[in-house]
Amino acid sequence: MLKQDHRKSHRNFKIVDETDDYLVVDKPPFLLMHPTKPGGAPTLWKELRELLAFEIANGGQVSIVNRLDRETSGLVLVAKTSAAARRFGLLMQQQGFQKEYLAIVWGWPDWETKSVDAPLDRQGKHRESAIYLKQAIHPDGAPAETEFRVQRRFTKSSATPSPAASRLPLPEGEERGEGSAKFNGQNSTQAEDKFALLHAIPRTGRTHQIRVHLASIGHPIVGDKIYGPNEQLYLEFIETGWTNELERQLLLPRHALHASKLGIDGEREWTSLLPVDLADFVGD
């Protein structure tokens, strides 16, 4: 059960639910999950250890079960005991969790529901890549499947070219599937101010899976520095930080992806509303 009220909103995250075995927290964008270097930026893991210092001193632990990218917001399950960590780890292997995300994408899909089944691998293993972690669709990659459903189509005034041309290319010599078709028949002038809010349900848990699959079908996520208009924007961001030019092309300072639903088969389900920055973009 929930502890004292002050634990419901602690520093950079909000506690959604708590028992003796686990926490569910709502992570804001830009908060790292784990430390990357000593003395680095704040992380969810470090702040959870501070919050749960009493439990840790009495044999507890902090084990983050489902990981989110730094820019992704939303629900994270955290085991507080070794027994809970083992149980959740086994459930993860058995695909005993349901996850659902909300994503804002460029363009209006010409479908209401769509399933993308396309294996993923690190791009640099198969061709030159300026970004080490960048993933790509490749026949030798790990199986990856995502289901998408349109919740809303909307327009927004924008002079920014559509990033449809940045869809992930297959390695040379590979045949392209339907995901390589042009931006659903829309040129950049027609599509540049058209956006959609989608539900994304990953059936597997590969790195950057939702982002890659959406880019591959011509609807990259708004604000995505790696899979959006041009991967060079990511490299530019690393060099300069956020600039007016990056804002002109990306529209948002982070990719518009939010972990909105998390459930354990037959037990519990938690939900999280679209955060303020993304709700403002959609116009809610």
C-alpha atoms as a PDB file:
ATOM      1  CA  MET A   1       0.000   0.000   0.000  1.00  0.00           C
ATOM      2  CA  LEU A   2       1.009   3.632  -0.376  1.00  0.00           C
ATOM      3  CA  LYS A   3       3.238   5.049   2.313  1.00  0.00           C
ATOM      4  CA  GLN A   4       3.185   8.654   3.424  1.00  0.00           C
ATOM      5  CA  ASP A   5       1.712  11.254   1.075  1.00  0.00           C
ATOM      6  CA  HIS A   6       5.076  12.915   0.446  1.00  0.00           C
ATOM      7  CA  ARG A   7       6.212   9.741  -1.331  1.00  0.00           C
ATOM      8  CA  LYS A   8       3.569  10.115  -4.029  1.00  0.00           C
ATOM      9  CA  SER A   9       5.572  12.837  -5.732  1.00  0.00           C
ATOM     10  CA  HIS A  10       9.286  12.591  -5.129  1.00  0.00           C
ATOM     11  CA  ARG A  11      11.775  14.751  -6.981  1.00  0.00           C
ATOM     12  CA  ASN A  12      11.720  13.912 -10.682  1.00  0.00           C
ATOM     13  CA  PHE A  13       8.971  11.304 -10.730  1.00  0.00           C
ATOM     14  CA  LYS A  14       5.526  10.522  -9.353  1.00  0.00           C
ATOM     15  CA  ILE A  15       4.621   7.343  -7.501  1.00  0.00           C
ATOM     16  CA  VAL A  16       1.506   5.790  -9.043  1.00  0.00           C
ATOM     17  CA  ASP A  17       1.262   2.715  -6.823  1.00  0.00           C
ATOM     18  CA  GLU A  18       3.263   1.037  -4.076  1.00  0.00           C
ATOM     19  CA  THR A  19       3.162  -2.255  -2.185  1.00  0.00           C
ATOM     20  CA  ASP A  20       5.700  -4.021  -0.011  1.00  0.00           C
ATOM     21  CA  ASP A  21       7.023  -5.728  -3.162  1.00  0.00           C
ATOM     22  CA  TYR A  22       7.029  -3.041  -5.853  1.00  0.00           C
ATOM     23  CA  LEU A  23       6.618   0.557  -6.914  1.00  0.00           C
ATOM     24  CA  VAL A  24       5.063   1.881 -10.098  1.00  0.00           C
ATOM     25  CA  VAL A  25       6.369   5.325 -11.013  1.00  0.00           C
ATOM     26  CA  ASP A  26       5.547   7.823 -13.742  1.00  0.00           C
ATOM     27  CA  LYS A  27       8.868   8.903 -15.218  1.00  0.00           C
ATOM     28  CA  PRO A  28       9.158  12.338 -16.833  1.00  0.00           C
ATOM     29  CA  PRO A  29      11.110  12.822 -20.071  1.00  0.00           C
ATOM     30  CA  PHE A  30      14.867  13.477 -19.906  1.00  0.00           C
ATOM     31  CA  LEU A  31      15.391  11.432 -16.726  1.00  0.00           C
ATOM     32  CA  LEU A  32      17.962   8.670 -17.223  1.00  0.00           C
ATOM     33  CA  MET A  33      17.092   5.241 -15.894  1.00  0.00           C
ATOM     34  CA  HIS A  34      20.593   4.267 -14.714  1.00  0.00           C
ATOM     35  CA  PRO A  35      23.893   6.098 -14.162  1.00  0.00           C
ATOM     36  CA  THR A  36      26.186   6.275 -17.181  1.00  0.00           C
ATOM     37  CA  LYS A  37      29.209   7.727 -15.397  1.00  0.00           C
ATOM     38  CA  PRO A  38      30.225   8.664 -11.844  1.00  0.00           C
ATOM     39  CA  GLY A  39      28.876  12.034 -10.760  1.00  0.00           C
ATOM     40  CA  GLY A  40      26.649  12.281 -13.818  1.00  0.00           C
ATOM     41  CA  ALA A  41      23.110  13.541 -14.230  1.00  0.00           C
ATOM     42  CA  PRO A  42      20.335  12.481 -11.844  1.00  0.00           C
ATOM     43  CA  THR A  43      18.880   9.039 -12.572  1.00  0.00           C
ATOM     44  CA  LEU A  44      15.690   7.254 -11.651  1.00  0.00           C
ATOM     45  CA  TRP A  45      17.702   4.420 -10.088  1.00  0.00           C
ATOM     46  CA  LYS A  46      19.682   6.748  -7.821  1.00  0.00           C
ATOM     47  CA  GLU A  47      16.621   8.694  -6.713  1.00  0.00           C
ATOM     48  CA  LEU A  48      14.746   5.474  -5.988  1.00  0.00           C
ATOM     49  CA  ARG A  49      17.637   4.266  -3.850  1.00  0.00           C
ATOM     50  CA  GLU A  50      17.472   7.493  -1.851  1.00  0.00           C
ATOM     51  CA  LEU A  51      13.699   7.171  -1.505  1.00  0.00           C
ATOM     52  CA  LEU A  52      13.895   3.523  -0.436  1.00  0.00           C
ATOM     53  CA  ALA A  53      16.947   3.882   1.801  1.00  0.00           C
ATOM     54  CA  PHE A  54      15.097   2.413   4.797  1.00  0.00           C
ATOM     55  CA  GLU A  55      13.910  -0.616   2.831  1.00  0.00           C
ATOM     56  CA  ILE A  56      17.377  -1.182   1.354  1.00  0.00           C
ATOM     57  CA  ALA A  57      18.946  -1.016   4.825  1.00  0.00           C
ATOM     58  CA  ASN A  58      16.564  -3.785   5.853  1.00  0.00           C
ATOM     59  CA  GLY A  59      17.317  -6.155   2.985  1.00  0.00           C
ATOM     60  CA  GLY A  60      15.379  -4.559   0.153  1.00  0.00           C
ATOM     61  CA  GLN A  61      16.649  -3.528  -3.262  1.00  0.00           C
ATOM     62  CA  VAL A  62      15.853  -1.426  -6.332  1.00  0.00           C
ATOM     63  CA  SER A  63      15.386  -3.410  -9.548  1.00  0.00           C
ATOM     64  CA  ILE A  64      13.892  -1.570 -12.522  1.00  0.00           C
ATOM     65  CA  VAL A  65      11.798  -4.068 -14.469  1.00  0.00           C
ATOM     66  CA  ASN A  66      10.861  -2.249 -17.705  1.00  0.00           C
ATOM     67  CA  ARG A  67      13.293   0.316 -19.039  1.00  0.00           C
ATOM     68  CA  LEU A  68      12.452   3.459 -20.984  1.00  0.00           C
ATOM     69  CA  ASP A  69      14.691   5.629 -23.145  1.00  0.00           C
ATOM     70  CA  ARG A  70      15.842   8.872 -21.558  1.00  0.00           C
ATOM     71  CA  GLU A  71      13.385  10.981 -23.577  1.00  0.00           C
ATOM     72  CA  THR A  72      10.458   8.586 -23.199  1.00  0.00           C
ATOM     73  CA  SER A  73       8.031   9.364 -20.390  1.00  0.00           C
ATOM     74  CA  GLY A  74       5.622   7.083 -18.590  1.00  0.00           C
ATOM     75  CA  LEU A  75       5.123   4.044 -16.395  1.00  0.00           C
ATOM     76  CA  VAL A  76       7.999   2.071 -14.889  1.00  0.00           C
ATOM     77  CA  LEU A  77       7.696  -0.958 -12.604  1.00  0.00           C
ATOM     78  CA  VAL A  78      10.310  -1.271  -9.851  1.00  0.00           C
ATOM     79  CA  ALA A  79      10.836  -4.389  -7.715  1.00  0.00           C
ATOM     80  CA  LYS A  80      11.656  -3.666  -4.072  1.00  0.00           C
ATOM     81  CA  THR A  81      12.705  -7.210  -3.076  1.00  0.00           C
ATOM     82  CA  SER A  82      14.813  -9.939  -4.628  1.00  0.00           C
ATOM     83  CA  ALA A  83      11.805 -12.260  -4.739  1.00  0.00           C
ATOM     84  CA  ALA A  84       9.740  -9.676  -6.619  1.00  0.00           C
ATOM     85  CA  ALA A  85      12.638  -9.023  -9.015  1.00  0.00           C
ATOM     86  CA  ARG A  86      12.885 -12.753  -9.811  1.00  0.00           C
ATOM     87  CA  ARG A  87       9.137 -13.035 -10.317  1.00  0.00           C
ATOM     88  CA  PHE A  88       8.916 -10.006 -12.591  1.00  0.00           C
ATOM     89  CA  GLY A  89      11.982 -11.135 -14.535  1.00  0.00           C
ATOM     90  CA  LEU A  90      10.344 -14.488 -15.211  1.00  0.00           C
ATOM     91  CA  LEU A  91       7.095 -12.809 -16.213  1.00  0.00           C
ATOM     92  CA  MET A  92       9.021 -10.595 -18.624  1.00  0.00           C
ATOM     93  CA  GLN A  93      10.606 -13.652 -20.247  1.00  0.00           C
ATOM     94  CA  GLN A  94       7.159 -15.266 -20.521  1.00  0.00           C
ATOM     95  CA  GLN A  95       5.674 -12.067 -21.987  1.00  0.00           C
ATOM     96  CA  GLY A  96       3.392 -11.790 -18.974  1.00  0.00           C
ATOM     97  CA  PHE A  97       3.273  -7.986 -19.105  1.00  0.00           C
ATOM     98  CA  GLN A  98       1.032  -5.813 -21.254  1.00  0.00           C
ATOM     99  CA  LYS A  99       2.567  -2.544 -22.391  1.00  0.00           C
ATOM    100  CA  GLU A 100       0.997   0.233 -24.386  1.00  0.00           C
ATOM    101  CA  TYR A 101       2.440   3.534 -25.547  1.00  0.00           C
ATOM    102  CA  LEU A 102       1.082   6.749 -27.029  1.00  0.00           C
ATOM    103  CA  ALA A 103       3.071   8.232 -29.904  1.00  0.00           C
ATOM    104  CA  ILE A 104       2.645  11.417 -31.941  1.00  0.00           C
ATOM    105  CA  VAL A 105       3.752  10.838 -35.524  1.00  0.00           C
ATOM    106  CA  TRP A 106       4.173  12.786 -38.728  1.00  0.00           C
ATOM    107  CA  GLY A 107       1.424  12.396 -41.314  1.00  0.00           C
ATOM    108  CA  TRP A 108      -2.011  10.806 -41.396  1.00  0.00           C
ATOM    109  CA  PRO A 109      -1.945   7.004 -41.661  1.00  0.00           C
ATOM    110  CA  ASP A 110      -4.207   5.595 -44.365  1.00  0.00           C
ATOM    111  CA  TRP A 111      -5.088   2.736 -42.006  1.00  0.00           C
ATOM    112  CA  GLU A 112      -6.839   2.498 -38.630  1.00  0.00           C
ATOM    113  CA  THR A 113      -4.871  -0.474 -37.317  1.00  0.00           C
ATOM    114  CA  LYS A 114      -1.600  -1.937 -38.514  1.00  0.00           C
ATOM    115  CA  SER A 115       0.825  -4.633 -37.414  1.00  0.00           C
ATOM    116  CA  VAL A 116       4.530  -4.342 -38.215  1.00  0.00           C
ATOM    117  CA  ASP A 117       6.543  -7.556 -38.027  1.00  0.00           C
ATOM    118  CA  ALA A 118      10.127  -6.673 -38.916  1.00  0.00           C
ATOM    119  CA  PRO A 119      13.334  -7.970 -37.260  1.00  0.00           C
ATOM    120  CA  LEU A 120      15.713  -5.419 -35.737  1.00  0.00           C
ATOM    121  CA  ASP A 121      19.455  -5.294 -35.289  1.00  0.00           C
ATOM    122  CA  ARG A 122      22.067  -2.668 -34.527  1.00  0.00           C
ATOM    123  CA  GLN A 123      22.674  -0.846 -37.805  1.00  0.00           C
ATOM    124  CA  GLY A 124      26.448  -0.677 -37.367  1.00  0.00           C
ATOM    125  CA  LYS A 125      26.718  -4.468 -37.517  1.00  0.00           C
ATOM    126  CA  HIS A 126      25.646  -4.423 -41.166  1.00  0.00           C
ATOM    127  CA  ARG A 127      26.671  -1.069 -42.598  1.00  0.00           C
ATOM    128  CA  GLU A 128      28.355   2.150 -41.588  1.00  0.00           C
ATOM    129  CA  SER A 129      26.481   4.037 -38.885  1.00  0.00           C
ATOM    130  CA  ALA A 130      27.372   7.361 -37.293  1.00  0.00           C
ATOM    131  CA  ILE A 131      25.300   6.480 -34.211  1.00  0.00           C
ATOM    132  CA  TYR A 132      26.360   3.352 -32.353  1.00  0.00           C
ATOM    133  CA  LEU A 133      22.973   2.479 -30.840  1.00  0.00           C
ATOM    134  CA  LYS A 134      20.924   3.159 -33.953  1.00  0.00           C
ATOM    135  CA  GLN A 135      18.770   0.176 -34.880  1.00  0.00           C
ATOM    136  CA  ALA A 136      17.644  -0.942 -38.324  1.00  0.00           C
ATOM    137  CA  ILE A 137      15.329  -3.469 -39.899  1.00  0.00           C
ATOM    138  CA  HIS A 138      17.462  -6.405 -41.019  1.00  0.00           C
ATOM    139  CA  PRO A 139      16.582 -10.022 -41.877  1.00  0.00           C
ATOM    140  CA  ASP A 140      19.325 -11.286 -39.548  1.00  0.00           C
ATOM    141  CA  GLY A 141      18.000  -9.262 -36.603  1.00  0.00           C
ATOM    142  CA  ALA A 142      15.923 -10.337 -33.614  1.00  0.00           C
ATOM    143  CA  PRO A 143      12.173 -10.819 -34.156  1.00  0.00           C
ATOM    144  CA  ALA A 144      10.191  -7.642 -33.453  1.00  0.00           C
ATOM    145  CA  GLU A 145       6.461  -7.011 -33.732  1.00  0.00           C
ATOM    146  CA  THR A 146       4.401  -3.927 -32.916  1.00  0.00           C
ATOM    147  CA  GLU A 147       0.690  -3.233 -33.310  1.00  0.00           C
ATOM    148  CA  PHE A 148      -0.556   0.279 -33.997  1.00  0.00           C
ATOM    149  CA  ARG A 149      -3.973   1.897 -33.751  1.00  0.00           C
ATOM    150  CA  VAL A 150      -4.914   5.452 -34.701  1.00  0.00           C
ATOM    151  CA  GLN A 151      -6.567   7.416 -31.901  1.00  0.00           C
ATOM    152  CA  ARG A 152      -6.700  10.826 -33.532  1.00  0.00           C
ATOM    153  CA  ARG A 153      -5.609  12.707 -36.638  1.00  0.00           C
ATOM    154  CA  PHE A 154      -4.984  16.437 -36.371  1.00  0.00           C
ATOM    155  CA  THR A 155      -3.309  19.337 -38.113  1.00  0.00           C
ATOM    156  CA  LYS A 156      -0.867  21.880 -36.806  1.00  0.00           C
ATOM    157  CA  SER A 157       0.606  24.919 -38.491  1.00  0.00           C
ATOM    158  CA  SER A 158       4.180  24.135 -39.479  1.00  0.00           C
ATOM    159  CA  ALA A 159       6.662  25.163 -42.127  1.00  0.00           C
ATOM    160  CA  THR A 160       8.855  22.168 -41.412  1.00  0.00           C
ATOM    161  CA  PRO A 161       9.400  19.613 -44.194  1.00  0.00           C
ATOM    162  CA  SER A 162       8.073  16.133 -43.537  1.00  0.00           C
ATOM    163  CA  PRO A 163      10.781  13.673 -42.455  1.00  0.00           C
ATOM    164  CA  ALA A 164       9.246  10.813 -44.388  1.00  0.00           C
ATOM    165  CA  ALA A 165      12.343  10.494 -46.553  1.00  0.00           C
ATOM    166  CA  SER A 166      14.342   9.431 -43.501  1.00  0.00           C
ATOM    167  CA  ARG A 167      12.707   5.999 -43.296  1.00  0.00           C
ATOM    168  CA  LEU A 168      15.257   3.345 -42.492  1.00  0.00           C
ATOM    169  CA  PRO A 169      16.877   1.841 -45.588  1.00  0.00           C
ATOM    170  CA  LEU A 170      17.469  -1.873 -45.761  1.00  0.00           C
ATOM    171  CA  PRO A 171      21.015  -3.111 -46.447  1.00  0.00           C
ATOM    172  CA  GLU A 172      22.044  -2.992 -50.081  1.00  0.00           C
ATOM    173  CA  GLY A 173      20.613  -5.860 -52.051  1.00  0.00           C
ATOM    174  CA  GLU A 174      17.568  -6.363 -49.805  1.00  0.00           C
ATOM    175  CA  GLU A 175      14.075  -6.076 -51.230  1.00  0.00           C
ATOM    176  CA  ARG A 176      11.880  -3.363 -49.774  1.00  0.00           C
ATOM    177  CA  GLY A 177       8.412  -4.114 -48.419  1.00  0.00           C
ATOM    178  CA  GLU A 178       5.338  -1.919 -48.136  1.00  0.00           C
ATOM    179  CA  GLY A 179       7.018   0.142 -45.421  1.00  0.00           C
ATOM    180  CA  SER A 180       9.267   1.663 -48.065  1.00  0.00           C
ATOM    181  CA  ALA A 181       6.405   3.144 -50.050  1.00  0.00           C
ATOM    182  CA  LYS A 182       6.278   6.901 -50.347  1.00  0.00           C
ATOM    183  CA  PHE A 183       4.717   8.857 -47.504  1.00  0.00           C
ATOM    184  CA  ASN A 184       1.273   7.330 -48.126  1.00  0.00           C
ATOM    185  CA  GLY A 185       0.957   9.292 -51.359  1.00  0.00           C
ATOM    186  CA  GLN A 186       1.448  12.654 -49.665  1.00  0.00           C
ATOM    187  CA  ASN A 187       4.243  14.991 -50.631  1.00  0.00           C
ATOM    188  CA  SER A 188       5.989  17.072 -47.975  1.00  0.00           C
ATOM    189  CA  THR A 189       3.904  20.155 -48.698  1.00  0.00           C
ATOM    190  CA  GLN A 190       0.673  18.236 -48.117  1.00  0.00           C
ATOM    191  CA  ALA A 191       1.846  16.312 -45.064  1.00  0.00           C
ATOM    192  CA  GLU A 192       4.008  18.808 -43.261  1.00  0.00           C
ATOM    193  CA  ASP A 193       1.278  19.945 -40.893  1.00  0.00           C
ATOM    194  CA  LYS A 194      -0.556  16.648 -40.538  1.00  0.00           C
ATOM    195  CA  PHE A 195      -0.002  14.554 -37.426  1.00  0.00           C
ATOM    196  CA  ALA A 196      -1.580  11.579 -35.692  1.00  0.00           C
ATOM    197  CA  LEU A 197      -1.786  10.276 -32.141  1.00  0.00           C
ATOM    198  CA  LEU A 198      -1.316   6.505 -32.129  1.00  0.00           C
ATOM    199  CA  HIS A 199      -1.523   3.654 -29.658  1.00  0.00           C
ATOM    200  CA  ALA A 200       1.500   1.367 -29.951  1.00  0.00           C
ATOM    201  CA  ILE A 201       1.521  -2.126 -28.452  1.00  0.00           C
ATOM    202  CA  PRO A 202       4.908  -3.847 -28.644  1.00  0.00           C
ATOM    203  CA  ARG A 203       4.684  -7.644 -28.722  1.00  0.00           C
ATOM    204  CA  THR A 204       8.445  -7.882 -28.287  1.00  0.00           C
ATOM    205  CA  GLY A 205      10.885  -5.640 -26.441  1.00  0.00           C
ATOM    206  CA  ARG A 206      13.703  -4.654 -28.784  1.00  0.00           C
ATOM    207  CA  THR A 207      15.782  -1.496 -28.466  1.00  0.00           C
ATOM    208  CA  HIS A 208      14.009   1.498 -30.079  1.00  0.00           C
ATOM    209  CA  GLN A 209      11.418  -0.932 -31.487  1.00  0.00           C
ATOM    210  CA  ILE A 210       8.418   1.409 -31.710  1.00  0.00           C
ATOM    211  CA  ARG A 211      10.525   4.257 -33.076  1.00  0.00           C
ATOM    212  CA  VAL A 212      12.126   2.129 -35.801  1.00  0.00           C
ATOM    213  CA  HIS A 213       8.894   0.435 -36.845  1.00  0.00           C
ATOM    214  CA  LEU A 214       7.050   3.749 -37.162  1.00  0.00           C
ATOM    215  CA  ALA A 215       9.864   5.297 -39.191  1.00  0.00           C
ATOM    216  CA  SER A 216       9.896   2.246 -41.459  1.00  0.00           C
ATOM    217  CA  ILE A 217       6.240   2.729 -42.442  1.00  0.00           C
ATOM    218  CA  GLY A 218       6.592   6.430 -43.166  1.00  0.00           C
ATOM    219  CA  HIS A 219       5.308   7.860 -39.878  1.00  0.00           C
ATOM    220  CA  PRO A 220       8.327   8.709 -37.710  1.00  0.00           C
ATOM    221  CA  ILE A 221       7.722  10.037 -34.221  1.00  0.00           C
ATOM    222  CA  VAL A 222       7.709  13.815 -33.858  1.00  0.00           C
ATOM    223  CA  GLY A 223      10.887  15.033 -32.148  1.00  0.00           C
ATOM    224  CA  ASP A 224      12.876  11.874 -32.846  1.00  0.00           C
ATOM    225  CA  LYS A 225      16.480  12.979 -33.361  1.00  0.00           C
ATOM    226  CA  ILE A 226      17.688   9.593 -34.628  1.00  0.00           C
ATOM    227  CA  TYR A 227      14.816   8.199 -36.692  1.00  0.00           C
ATOM    228  CA  GLY A 228      13.148  11.474 -37.684  1.00  0.00           C
ATOM    229  CA  PRO A 229      14.156  14.007 -40.353  1.00  0.00           C
ATOM    230  CA  ASN A 230      17.894  13.287 -40.320  1.00  0.00           C
ATOM    231  CA  GLU A 231      20.177  11.391 -37.956  1.00  0.00           C
ATOM    232  CA  GLN A 232      22.655  14.264 -38.244  1.00  0.00           C
ATOM    233  CA  LEU A 233      20.274  16.233 -36.026  1.00  0.00           C
ATOM    234  CA  TYR A 234      21.149  13.884 -33.181  1.00  0.00           C
ATOM    235  CA  LEU A 235      24.867  14.462 -33.726  1.00  0.00           C
ATOM    236  CA  GLU A 236      24.247  18.202 -33.924  1.00  0.00           C
ATOM    237  CA  PHE A 237      22.284  18.077 -30.676  1.00  0.00           C
ATOM    238  CA  ILE A 238      25.169  16.290 -28.938  1.00  0.00           C
ATOM    239  CA  GLU A 239      27.488  19.078 -30.092  1.00  0.00           C
ATOM    240  CA  THR A 240      25.335  22.158 -29.560  1.00  0.00           C
ATOM    241  CA  GLY A 241      22.416  21.241 -27.342  1.00  0.00           C
ATOM    242  CA  TRP A 242      18.900  22.374 -28.240  1.00  0.00           C
ATOM    243  CA  THR A 243      18.818  25.237 -30.765  1.00  0.00           C
ATOM    244  CA  ASN A 244      16.221  27.187 -32.746  1.00  0.00           C
ATOM    245  CA  GLU A 245      17.228  25.325 -35.891  1.00  0.00           C
ATOM    246  CA  LEU A 246      16.705  21.959 -34.214  1.00  0.00           C
ATOM    247  CA  GLU A 247      13.328  23.145 -32.968  1.00  0.00           C
ATOM    248  CA  ARG A 248      12.382  24.227 -36.489  1.00  0.00           C
ATOM    249  CA  GLN A 249      13.021  20.738 -37.813  1.00  0.00           C
ATOM    250  CA  LEU A 250      12.039  18.535 -34.878  1.00  0.00           C
ATOM    251  CA  LEU A 251       9.224  20.659 -33.347  1.00  0.00           C
ATOM    252  CA  LEU A 252       9.660  19.053 -29.924  1.00  0.00           C
ATOM    253  CA  PRO A 253      12.817  18.803 -27.779  1.00  0.00           C
ATOM    254  CA  ARG A 254      12.158  15.105 -27.172  1.00  0.00           C
ATOM    255  CA  HIS A 255      10.574  12.266 -29.098  1.00  0.00           C
ATOM    256  CA  ALA A 256       6.823  12.172 -28.541  1.00  0.00           C
ATOM    257  CA  LEU A 257       6.557   8.718 -26.979  1.00  0.00           C
ATOM    258  CA  HIS A 258       4.821   7.971 -23.669  1.00  0.00           C
ATOM    259  CA  ALA A 259       4.412   4.643 -21.834  1.00  0.00           C
ATOM    260  CA  SER A 260       0.712   5.017 -21.047  1.00  0.00           C
ATOM    261  CA  LYS A 261      -0.325   1.562 -19.858  1.00  0.00           C
ATOM    262  CA  LEU A 262       1.403  -1.237 -17.966  1.00  0.00           C
ATOM    263  CA  GLY A 263      -0.241  -4.414 -16.751  1.00  0.00           C
ATOM    264  CA  ILE A 264       0.502  -7.807 -15.257  1.00  0.00           C
ATOM    265  CA  ASP A 265      -1.559 -10.610 -16.782  1.00  0.00           C
ATOM    266  CA  GLY A 266      -4.616 -11.268 -14.658  1.00  0.00           C
ATOM    267  CA  GLU A 267      -3.456  -9.077 -11.759  1.00  0.00           C
ATOM    268  CA  ARG A 268      -3.073  -5.329 -12.054  1.00  0.00           C
ATOM    269  CA  GLU A 269      -3.056  -2.589 -14.654  1.00  0.00           C
ATOM    270  CA  TRP A 270      -1.826   0.986 -14.376  1.00  0.00           C
ATOM    271  CA  THR A 271      -2.435   3.904 -16.732  1.00  0.00           C
ATOM    272  CA  SER A 272      -0.842   7.301 -17.273  1.00  0.00           C
ATOM    273  CA  LEU A 273      -2.329  10.258 -19.133  1.00  0.00           C
ATOM    274  CA  LEU A 274      -0.457  12.006 -21.911  1.00  0.00           C
ATOM    275  CA  PRO A 275       1.979  14.431 -20.210  1.00  0.00           C
ATOM    276  CA  VAL A 276       1.560  18.180 -20.534  1.00  0.00           C
ATOM    277  CA  ASP A 277       4.147  18.747 -23.275  1.00  0.00           C
ATOM    278  CA  LEU A 278       2.591  16.152 -25.581  1.00  0.00           C
ATOM    279  CA  ALA A 279      -1.008  17.045 -24.683  1.00  0.00           C
ATOM    280  CA  ASP A 280      -0.229  20.661 -25.569  1.00  0.00           C
ATOM    281  CA  PHE A 281       1.146  19.593 -28.949  1.00  0.00           C
ATOM    282  CA  VAL A 282      -1.956  17.529 -29.687  1.00  0.00           C
ATOM    283  CA  GLY A 283      -4.160  20.348 -28.479  1.00  0.00           C
ATOM    284  CA  ASP A 284      -5.865  18.504 -25.606  1.00  0.00           C
END
